[in-house]
């Protein structure tokens, strides 16, 4: 998977996403005092840093992402914040945090239960005892709708984008080719990005979290209806 080719347009497709409200829910879950910044938080798969833009008001924040281009936007948006480039399945930052988040379904990109387990354990190795791990999942196998077509349109005076894909499934893997048709005064370009995400059931994910040593609470609604896993390191 790579957002690198269309990274500059990423945020335009999520302008209606309430990052501030989602950050505030994380504050409520953790119980952080407003504007205290006493707790260290790592946002794994931080993307362009829009969650961090709001989380940094409440935590001592750092970000991690694998995509160079997305990190460029995150750093520009939050120049005072430390960002790390790395793979969430195998990163080592040499420190621990009080809170670790992995939001907007990015955990699905680990693809397999084996990788999910490795990723969770890697996160826990970076989590202080008593710390909180918050994961927003991708779709479950029952919720994924293969063989369906989806599209989004950006319509600005000097920028027109049509983003379209057909969704598929191969066993427990969901996949789609995201087609971007991008029109500017300089010309029209066509970009295609391949996305592959694992489909994990709720019991499977809870089992992985518990086997890694977390006390787990599951919120079936979460931010946008995909659920939310909240784990406390024992």
Protein backbone atom coordinates (compact mmCIF):
# COMPACT_ATOMS: atom_id res chain seq x y z
CA UNK A 1 0.00 0.00 0.00
CA UNK A 2 1.14 3.54 -0.69
CA UNK A 3 -0.50 6.93 -0.39
CA UNK A 4 2.67 8.49 -1.76
CA UNK A 5 1.42 9.39 -5.25
CA UNK A 6 -1.73 11.16 -4.04
CA UNK A 7 -0.53 12.29 -0.60
CA UNK A 8 -1.03 15.98 -1.42
CA UNK A 9 -4.75 15.34 -1.92
CA UNK A 10 -5.31 13.02 1.03
CA UNK A 11 -6.76 15.58 3.43
CA UNK A 12 -9.19 16.96 0.85
CA UNK A 13 -11.17 13.73 0.92
CA UNK A 14 -11.57 13.87 4.70
CA UNK A 15 -12.36 17.53 5.28
CA UNK A 16 -15.65 16.55 6.94
CA UNK A 17 -13.99 14.13 9.37
CA UNK A 18 -14.14 15.53 12.90
CA UNK A 19 -10.57 14.94 14.01
CA UNK A 20 -11.01 17.29 16.97
CA UNK A 21 -13.97 15.34 18.38
CA UNK A 22 -12.09 12.05 17.94
CA UNK A 23 -9.09 13.49 19.77
CA UNK A 24 -11.37 14.67 22.55
CA UNK A 25 -12.81 11.16 22.91
CA UNK A 26 -9.28 9.84 23.33
CA UNK A 27 -8.71 12.43 26.05
CA UNK A 28 -11.88 11.24 27.78
CA UNK A 29 -10.87 7.56 27.51
CA UNK A 30 -7.43 8.21 28.95
CA UNK A 31 -8.65 10.69 31.54
CA UNK A 32 -5.97 13.25 30.71
CA UNK A 33 -6.29 16.64 32.32
CA UNK A 34 -7.08 19.40 29.78
CA UNK A 35 -3.95 21.00 28.36
CA UNK A 36 -1.72 19.18 30.87
CA UNK A 37 0.57 17.42 28.35
CA UNK A 38 1.82 15.27 31.24
CA UNK A 39 1.25 11.97 29.42
CA UNK A 40 3.37 10.81 26.49
CA UNK A 41 1.37 9.62 23.45
CA UNK A 42 2.54 7.90 20.27
CA UNK A 43 0.20 8.00 17.27
CA UNK A 44 1.05 4.99 15.08
CA UNK A 45 0.21 5.39 11.37
CA UNK A 46 -0.27 9.09 12.01
CA UNK A 47 -0.72 10.02 8.34
CA UNK A 48 -0.75 13.77 7.74
CA UNK A 49 -0.90 14.54 11.46
CA UNK A 50 -4.46 15.81 11.74
CA UNK A 51 -5.22 13.82 14.89
CA UNK A 52 -1.91 14.98 16.33
CA UNK A 53 -2.85 18.59 15.61
CA UNK A 54 -5.52 18.23 18.30
CA UNK A 55 -3.92 15.59 20.53
CA UNK A 56 -0.85 17.74 21.14
CA UNK A 57 -2.99 20.12 23.21
CA UNK A 58 -3.49 17.36 25.76
CA UNK A 59 -0.45 15.07 25.49
CA UNK A 60 3.28 15.06 24.86
CA UNK A 61 2.86 13.64 21.35
CA UNK A 62 5.02 11.88 18.78
CA UNK A 63 3.99 10.29 15.48
CA UNK A 64 5.01 7.27 13.42
CA UNK A 65 4.22 6.48 9.79
CA UNK A 66 5.75 4.45 6.98
CA UNK A 67 4.95 6.94 4.19
CA UNK A 68 7.54 9.65 3.55
CA UNK A 69 5.12 11.91 1.71
CA UNK A 70 2.43 11.79 4.40
CA UNK A 71 5.05 12.55 7.04
CA UNK A 72 6.11 15.65 5.12
CA UNK A 73 2.59 17.05 5.55
CA UNK A 74 2.48 15.97 9.20
CA UNK A 75 5.74 17.78 9.94
CA UNK A 76 4.63 20.91 8.11
CA UNK A 77 1.37 20.92 10.08
CA UNK A 78 3.08 20.22 13.43
CA UNK A 79 6.66 21.53 13.17
CA UNK A 80 7.25 21.28 16.93
CA UNK A 81 6.39 17.56 17.05
CA UNK A 82 8.79 14.62 16.61
CA UNK A 83 7.82 12.24 13.81
CA UNK A 84 9.40 8.87 13.09
CA UNK A 85 9.38 6.93 9.85
CA UNK A 86 8.85 3.23 10.36
CA UNK A 87 6.74 0.12 9.84
CA UNK A 88 4.23 -0.48 12.63
CA UNK A 89 4.92 -4.22 12.51
CA UNK A 90 8.60 -3.71 13.38
CA UNK A 91 9.55 -0.37 14.91
CA UNK A 92 11.84 0.44 17.82
CA UNK A 93 11.90 4.00 19.13
CA UNK A 94 13.89 3.28 22.27
CA UNK A 95 11.32 4.69 24.70
CA UNK A 96 7.91 4.06 26.22
CA UNK A 97 4.66 6.00 26.16
CA UNK A 98 1.62 6.31 28.41
CA UNK A 99 -0.78 6.13 25.46
CA UNK A 100 -0.44 4.60 22.01
CA UNK A 101 -3.08 5.12 19.33
CA UNK A 102 -3.57 3.54 15.92
CA UNK A 103 -6.55 5.22 14.29
CA UNK A 104 -8.61 5.49 11.08
CA UNK A 105 -8.45 1.71 10.45
CA UNK A 106 -4.72 1.76 9.68
CA UNK A 107 -4.29 -1.48 11.63
CA UNK A 108 -5.91 -3.32 8.71
CA UNK A 109 -2.76 -2.85 6.64
CA UNK A 110 -0.97 -5.51 8.69
CA UNK A 111 -3.09 -7.96 6.59
CA UNK A 112 -2.71 -11.15 8.66
CA UNK A 113 -3.41 -12.30 12.21
CA UNK A 114 0.26 -13.17 12.55
CA UNK A 115 1.25 -9.61 11.66
CA UNK A 116 -1.51 -8.24 13.88
CA UNK A 117 -0.08 -10.13 16.83
CA UNK A 118 3.46 -8.93 16.05
CA UNK A 119 2.25 -5.34 15.71
CA UNK A 120 0.34 -5.40 18.99
CA UNK A 121 3.34 -6.84 20.80
CA UNK A 122 5.59 -4.19 19.27
CA UNK A 123 3.23 -1.48 20.49
CA UNK A 124 3.05 -2.98 23.98
CA UNK A 125 6.84 -3.01 24.17
CA UNK A 126 6.59 0.77 23.79
CA UNK A 127 3.80 1.12 26.38
CA UNK A 128 4.36 1.91 30.05
CA UNK A 129 2.81 -0.44 32.64
CA UNK A 130 -0.74 0.78 33.22
CA UNK A 131 -0.65 2.53 29.84
CA UNK A 132 -3.49 2.62 27.31
CA UNK A 133 -3.55 1.25 23.77
CA UNK A 134 -6.39 2.52 21.53
CA UNK A 135 -6.98 0.88 18.15
CA UNK A 136 -9.63 1.82 15.60
CA UNK A 137 -10.14 -1.28 13.42
CA UNK A 138 -10.84 -1.86 9.76
CA UNK A 139 -14.01 -3.70 8.73
CA UNK A 140 -14.80 -7.15 10.08
CA UNK A 141 -15.33 -9.96 7.54
CA UNK A 142 -19.13 -9.68 7.94
CA UNK A 143 -19.16 -5.90 7.51
CA UNK A 144 -16.97 -5.78 4.38
CA UNK A 145 -18.97 -5.49 1.15
CA UNK A 146 -17.07 -6.98 -1.80
CA UNK A 147 -18.05 -6.31 -5.41
CA UNK A 148 -19.30 -2.81 -4.63
CA UNK A 149 -18.31 0.45 -6.32
CA UNK A 150 -17.40 3.65 -4.46
CA UNK A 151 -16.53 7.18 -5.54
CA UNK A 152 -15.67 10.62 -4.15
CA UNK A 153 -15.40 13.92 -5.98
CA UNK A 154 -13.40 17.07 -5.22
CA UNK A 155 -14.74 20.05 -7.16
CA UNK A 156 -12.73 23.26 -6.78
CA UNK A 157 -12.20 26.03 -9.36
CA UNK A 158 -8.71 24.84 -10.35
CA UNK A 159 -8.78 21.27 -9.03
CA UNK A 160 -11.12 18.45 -10.00
CA UNK A 161 -10.57 14.95 -8.62
CA UNK A 162 -12.61 11.81 -9.08
CA UNK A 163 -11.55 8.99 -6.76
CA UNK A 164 -13.11 5.62 -7.52
CA UNK A 165 -12.66 1.99 -6.64
CA UNK A 166 -14.34 -1.39 -6.72
CA UNK A 167 -14.00 -3.39 -3.52
CA UNK A 168 -13.04 -7.08 -3.52
CA UNK A 169 -12.23 -9.86 -1.07
CA UNK A 170 -9.89 -12.82 -1.23
CA UNK A 171 -10.57 -14.88 1.86
CA UNK A 172 -9.69 -12.66 4.82
CA UNK A 173 -8.01 -10.02 2.67
CA UNK A 174 -9.93 -6.99 1.41
CA UNK A 175 -8.39 -5.19 -1.52
CA UNK A 176 -9.07 -2.45 -4.05
CA UNK A 177 -7.28 -0.31 -6.62
CA UNK A 178 -7.95 3.36 -5.87
CA UNK A 179 -8.13 5.30 -9.13
CA UNK A 180 -7.59 9.06 -9.05
CA UNK A 181 -8.42 11.21 -12.07
CA UNK A 182 -6.85 14.57 -11.23
CA UNK A 183 -7.50 17.67 -13.30
CA UNK A 184 -5.60 20.97 -12.88
CA UNK A 185 -4.89 23.90 -15.22
CA UNK A 186 -1.62 22.12 -16.09
CA UNK A 187 -3.36 18.96 -17.27
CA UNK A 188 -5.13 15.77 -16.20
CA UNK A 189 -3.38 12.84 -14.56
CA UNK A 190 -4.44 9.31 -13.68
CA UNK A 191 -3.01 7.67 -10.55
CA UNK A 192 -3.72 4.17 -9.26
CA UNK A 193 -2.96 3.00 -5.71
CA UNK A 194 -3.28 -0.58 -4.50
CA UNK A 195 -4.69 -1.10 -1.00
CA UNK A 196 -4.83 -4.43 0.84
CA UNK A 197 -6.21 -4.76 4.37
CA UNK A 198 -6.88 -7.75 6.59
CA UNK A 199 -10.38 -8.57 7.79
CA UNK A 200 -10.35 -9.57 11.48
CA UNK A 201 -13.31 -10.55 13.65
CA UNK A 202 -13.94 -8.86 16.99
CA UNK A 203 -13.22 -12.05 19.00
CA UNK A 204 -9.98 -12.60 17.05
CA UNK A 205 -8.76 -9.09 17.77
CA UNK A 206 -9.73 -9.21 21.43
CA UNK A 207 -7.93 -12.55 21.74
CA UNK A 208 -4.74 -11.12 20.22
CA UNK A 209 -4.86 -8.14 22.58
CA UNK A 210 -5.50 -10.28 25.65
CA UNK A 211 -2.80 -12.80 24.75
CA UNK A 212 -0.37 -9.88 24.54
CA UNK A 213 -1.16 -8.96 28.14
CA UNK A 214 -3.86 -6.30 27.88
CA UNK A 215 -7.14 -5.92 29.72
CA UNK A 216 -9.50 -5.14 26.84
CA UNK A 217 -12.67 -3.09 26.47
CA UNK A 218 -14.50 -3.02 23.12
CA UNK A 219 -16.64 -0.08 22.01
CA UNK A 220 -18.74 -1.33 19.03
CA UNK A 221 -19.48 2.19 17.76
CA UNK A 222 -16.12 3.93 18.09
CA UNK A 223 -15.68 7.12 16.10
CA UNK A 224 -17.43 6.29 12.82
CA UNK A 225 -19.15 2.97 13.42
CA UNK A 226 -16.15 0.66 12.92
CA UNK A 227 -15.57 0.09 16.64
CA UNK A 228 -12.74 0.87 19.03
CA UNK A 229 -10.46 -1.40 21.08
CA UNK A 230 -9.19 0.00 24.36
CA UNK A 231 -6.46 -2.01 26.05
CA UNK A 232 -4.77 -1.39 29.40
CA UNK A 233 -1.32 -2.85 29.98
CA UNK A 234 -1.43 -4.87 33.17
